[in-house]
């Protein structure tokens, strides 16, 4: 048997961190733990501490176990220097590279703990030898000779703990259900949005074309006009059908006022795409007075940063849509700077992609009529996600109503992007 002593501290009892660590150890055959010391806080504000020795039948089994519990906050008592290896070629990590989570992470380099900047799951950690600066790097951006963190030593991951103040928002952080009290959550979300904006933070919305199809655009526009949307991620469908509804009054050929299909209107979205391509894009359509309303119009008038990412099924697409996936990922990463809250509405793939880029400290709300979509986002690692099962129109209508109880944030100049 080989052993390692680890310690864990913080709100490890009421956040269930310690029980999760012990369960993880017991799930490994032949592994065991001995609690050497434990000190439990007596007050709500007090932290707790535990030190335990973990034993496993082999070093490889122990290392895998340590990696799992490290992501829950358990740290070896013996601090070791982080190990670095050079990337063998562009776009390739060295063997045994450390694959990041979305939790706050630090590396021990040159006798100091250094925070990993721009934390994101499923990346590596690149260290600059001259400055000691550590940051995540996607595989596609790795350059030959980069110093990449390898192995498990010298890495510290800080788990999220149960928040002690915003209990109203916290009550939804459980299994996905369509039976949760939606109005209560949306009211808490509106309060959260106001607090973030009042503190100078940014709010991101990710939306799919169902927002247009359900007639929810007026409520979405209301949020934009009141200054509660800073960044918008979407695809070709969202922008196309928004422009279709603004110019022709239909979405997929359905009249949004009557809810009835109109004759010979199945090709409306194609005609809109063609018109936008002829004009040069959505911004040019706004400037030339062709696009006078809708979500895209309001975002451009309010200076909201819009990133539209394409997919293999897109018609056209619009000139504004980024079709190079690596370029799209990097543009999304740049747009996420300063975002403190992400609200994802009726968009499976764009929501999962965004969730994978967000640090765990960014609050995430996923809204979809299909509970499987909300669950899927959490299953892919976005465990800070709060799920709400409802349709986008009902959600946005109630959110816009609640936001009217709070001050608006001043009109911003139109973005040049």
Foldseek 3Di string as FASTA:
>chain_A
DDKFKWKAKFQCVVQVLVVVLQVLQVVDPPKDKDWPDKAPDDDPPDMIMTMMMIDHPDPVSVLVSCVVSLQSFIGTPDADAFDWDWAQAALGRDPQFDFFALFWKWFQHPNDTATAPLRFGGFWWFADPVPRHIYTDHSNGHHTGTITGGGDGRMHGDYDGDDDPLVQCVVLLDADDQPPPQLSNLLSVLVVLQVQVVVVFAEEEEEELLCLVQPQFVLVLLCLVLPSHAAYEYAQLNVLQQQLCQQVCDGCQARPVVRHHDPPCNCSSVVSLVVQVVLPFDVSCLVVVRRDDTDVNSCQQQAHHYAYEYDPPQPNGTNRYDDPVVVSLVVLSVSCVRHQEYEYAADQPVLLSNLRSHRLRRAYEYEELDSVSQVVSVVSRNSSYRYHHDHPNVSSVSSSVSNVVDHGDDRDGGHPD
